[in-house]
Protein backbone atom coordinates (compact mmCIF):
# COMPACT_ATOMS: atom_id res chain seq x y z
CA MET A 1 -69.53 -84.07 -22.68
CA ARG A 2 -67.63 -83.11 -19.63
CA PRO A 3 -68.70 -80.10 -17.58
CA ILE A 4 -66.38 -77.09 -17.55
CA PHE A 5 -66.26 -77.43 -13.77
CA PRO A 6 -66.39 -81.20 -13.12
CA PHE A 7 -66.54 -80.74 -9.35
CA LEU A 8 -70.01 -79.16 -9.83
CA LYS A 9 -71.44 -82.21 -11.60
CA PRO A 10 -73.21 -83.54 -8.45
CA LEU A 11 -74.75 -80.11 -7.87
CA TYR A 12 -75.99 -79.92 -11.46
CA ALA A 13 -77.50 -83.39 -11.18
CA ALA A 14 -79.21 -82.52 -7.90
CA LEU A 15 -80.71 -79.29 -9.27
CA VAL A 16 -82.03 -80.50 -12.65
CA GLU A 17 -85.47 -81.57 -11.43
CA PRO A 18 -86.06 -78.73 -8.92
CA ALA A 19 -85.02 -76.18 -11.56
CA TYR A 20 -87.39 -77.70 -14.11
CA ALA A 21 -90.22 -77.74 -11.55
CA LEU A 22 -89.53 -74.07 -10.79
CA MET A 23 -89.73 -73.19 -14.49
CA ARG A 24 -92.93 -75.22 -14.93
CA ILE A 25 -94.55 -73.67 -11.84
CA ALA A 26 -93.55 -70.14 -12.86
CA ALA A 27 -94.86 -70.60 -16.41
CA GLY A 28 -98.17 -72.01 -15.21
CA GLY A 29 -98.45 -69.47 -12.43
CA PHE A 30 -97.95 -66.55 -14.77
CA LEU A 31 -100.61 -67.90 -17.14
CA ILE A 32 -103.30 -67.93 -14.44
CA PRO A 33 -103.83 -64.13 -14.17
CA HIS A 34 -104.11 -63.87 -17.97
CA GLY A 35 -106.97 -66.36 -17.83
CA MET A 36 -108.53 -64.56 -14.86
CA TRP A 37 -108.58 -61.37 -16.92
CA LYS A 38 -110.35 -63.05 -19.82
CA LEU A 39 -112.84 -65.02 -17.73
CA PHE A 40 -113.51 -63.06 -14.56
CA SER A 41 -112.38 -59.42 -15.17
CA ILE A 42 -110.16 -59.76 -12.08
CA THR A 43 -106.89 -58.42 -13.50
CA GLY A 44 -108.44 -56.41 -16.34
CA SER A 45 -111.70 -55.88 -18.19
CA ARG A 46 -113.20 -58.94 -19.89
CA ALA A 47 -115.19 -56.59 -22.13
CA ASP A 48 -112.00 -54.82 -23.21
CA MET A 49 -110.38 -58.14 -24.10
CA ILE A 50 -113.43 -59.23 -26.12
CA ALA A 51 -113.35 -55.88 -27.95
CA PHE A 52 -109.64 -56.40 -28.64
CA PHE A 53 -110.27 -59.87 -30.07
CA SER A 54 -113.04 -58.41 -32.23
CA SER A 55 -110.76 -55.57 -33.45
CA LEU A 56 -108.35 -58.24 -34.70
CA GLY A 57 -111.15 -59.90 -36.64
CA LEU A 58 -111.26 -62.86 -34.26
CA GLU A 59 -114.92 -63.80 -34.18
CA PRO A 60 -116.92 -64.88 -32.32
CA ALA A 61 -114.78 -62.78 -30.00
CA ALA A 62 -116.57 -63.67 -26.75
CA LEU A 63 -116.30 -67.41 -27.42
CA LEU A 64 -112.62 -67.16 -28.40
CA ASN A 65 -111.88 -65.00 -25.37
CA ASP A 66 -113.48 -67.60 -23.11
CA ALA A 67 -111.66 -70.49 -24.80
CA VAL A 68 -108.30 -68.79 -24.41
CA GLY A 69 -109.23 -67.83 -20.85
CA VAL A 70 -110.00 -71.46 -19.98
CA VAL A 71 -106.67 -72.60 -21.45
CA GLU A 72 -104.76 -69.93 -19.54
CA PHE A 73 -106.58 -70.18 -16.21
CA PHE A 74 -107.25 -73.89 -15.86
CA GLY A 75 -104.26 -74.91 -17.99
CA GLY A 76 -102.05 -72.70 -15.83
CA ILE A 77 -103.31 -74.44 -12.70
CA LEU A 78 -102.68 -77.86 -14.24
CA ILE A 79 -99.16 -76.87 -15.31
CA VAL A 80 -98.38 -75.56 -11.80
CA LEU A 81 -99.57 -78.82 -10.28
CA GLY A 82 -97.86 -80.97 -12.88
CA LEU A 83 -101.17 -82.69 -13.67
CA LEU A 84 -102.08 -83.44 -17.29
CA THR A 85 -99.10 -81.25 -18.02
CA ARG A 86 -98.50 -82.17 -21.64
CA PRO A 87 -102.01 -81.46 -22.94
CA ALA A 88 -102.31 -78.29 -20.83
CA ALA A 89 -98.94 -76.98 -22.01
CA LEU A 90 -99.69 -77.91 -25.62
CA ALA A 91 -102.98 -75.99 -25.52
CA ALA A 92 -101.20 -73.00 -23.97
CA THR A 93 -98.46 -73.26 -26.61
CA LEU A 94 -101.11 -72.96 -29.30
CA THR A 95 -102.70 -69.87 -27.72
CA THR A 96 -99.41 -68.08 -27.05
CA GLY A 97 -98.03 -69.06 -30.45
CA THR A 98 -101.15 -67.72 -32.13
CA ALA A 99 -100.83 -64.48 -30.18
CA ALA A 100 -97.15 -64.22 -31.12
CA LEU A 101 -97.85 -64.65 -34.81
CA PHE A 102 -101.09 -62.73 -35.21
CA VAL A 103 -100.75 -59.96 -32.63
CA HIS A 104 -97.09 -59.39 -31.81
CA LEU A 105 -95.11 -60.23 -34.97
CA GLY A 106 -94.94 -56.62 -36.18
CA ALA A 107 -92.29 -55.60 -33.64
CA LEU A 108 -89.58 -57.23 -31.54
CA TYR A 109 -89.69 -55.60 -28.12
CA VAL A 110 -92.49 -56.02 -25.61
CA GLU A 111 -92.58 -52.23 -25.09
CA ASP A 112 -93.73 -51.95 -28.70
CA ALA A 113 -96.25 -54.82 -28.31
CA GLY A 114 -93.60 -56.96 -29.99
CA ILE A 115 -93.07 -60.69 -30.21
CA GLU A 116 -90.32 -61.20 -27.60
CA PHE A 117 -92.61 -61.92 -24.63
CA ALA A 118 -95.20 -64.03 -26.46
CA GLY A 119 -92.41 -65.81 -28.33
CA LEU A 120 -90.63 -66.68 -25.10
CA TRP A 121 -93.91 -67.94 -23.60
CA THR A 122 -94.44 -70.12 -26.66
CA VAL A 123 -90.96 -71.67 -26.51
CA VAL A 124 -91.14 -72.34 -22.75
CA LEU A 125 -94.61 -73.88 -22.99
CA LEU A 126 -93.58 -75.99 -25.99
CA TYR A 127 -90.62 -77.31 -23.99
CA ILE A 128 -92.94 -78.18 -21.09
CA ALA A 129 -95.36 -79.89 -23.50
CA ILE A 130 -92.51 -81.99 -24.87
CA ARG A 131 -90.79 -82.78 -21.56
CA GLY A 132 -93.93 -83.39 -19.52
CA SER A 133 -94.50 -82.86 -15.84
CA GLY A 134 -91.12 -83.91 -14.46
CA ARG A 135 -90.40 -85.78 -11.26
CA ILE A 136 -91.76 -83.10 -8.93
CA SER A 137 -95.41 -83.26 -9.96
CA VAL A 138 -98.84 -84.64 -9.22
CA ASP A 139 -98.58 -86.79 -12.37
CA ARG A 140 -95.61 -88.59 -10.81
CA LEU A 141 -97.37 -88.97 -7.46
CA ILE A 142 -100.33 -90.71 -9.10
CA GLY A 143 -98.15 -92.87 -11.34
CA ARG A 144 -98.82 -91.09 -14.62
CA GLU A 145 -96.23 -90.18 -17.20
CA VAL A 146 -93.34 -88.03 -16.12
């Protein structure tokens, strides 16, 4: 395919990897506070999140809260760094996808606790899991898969 504006082709080529790194870093970075909430009560109450898990019938709620918190906090850090990106993003895809289907599916818009936000998270993280860390990453620096 030819670009609509062929004179921009060198710019597109130059920005592909930095744009992907920005998306990967933003996705991982925004996961971190969610994990902090679940593990450390820094951005919200851990007890409230455990009670929420329990109200959904997700038991043992404390263990599930901590497992999701580990995926979000430590997985988010790994995704930001581009280190072990595929497994971290796949784990995060599973947690956000589960949330989308079991918590948010009843409505569309985020204002109504709908699926749009969790669904977008799931798609972005799935793309990162498939694509990997990219060229701007720790994985590349240490000679691991890109």
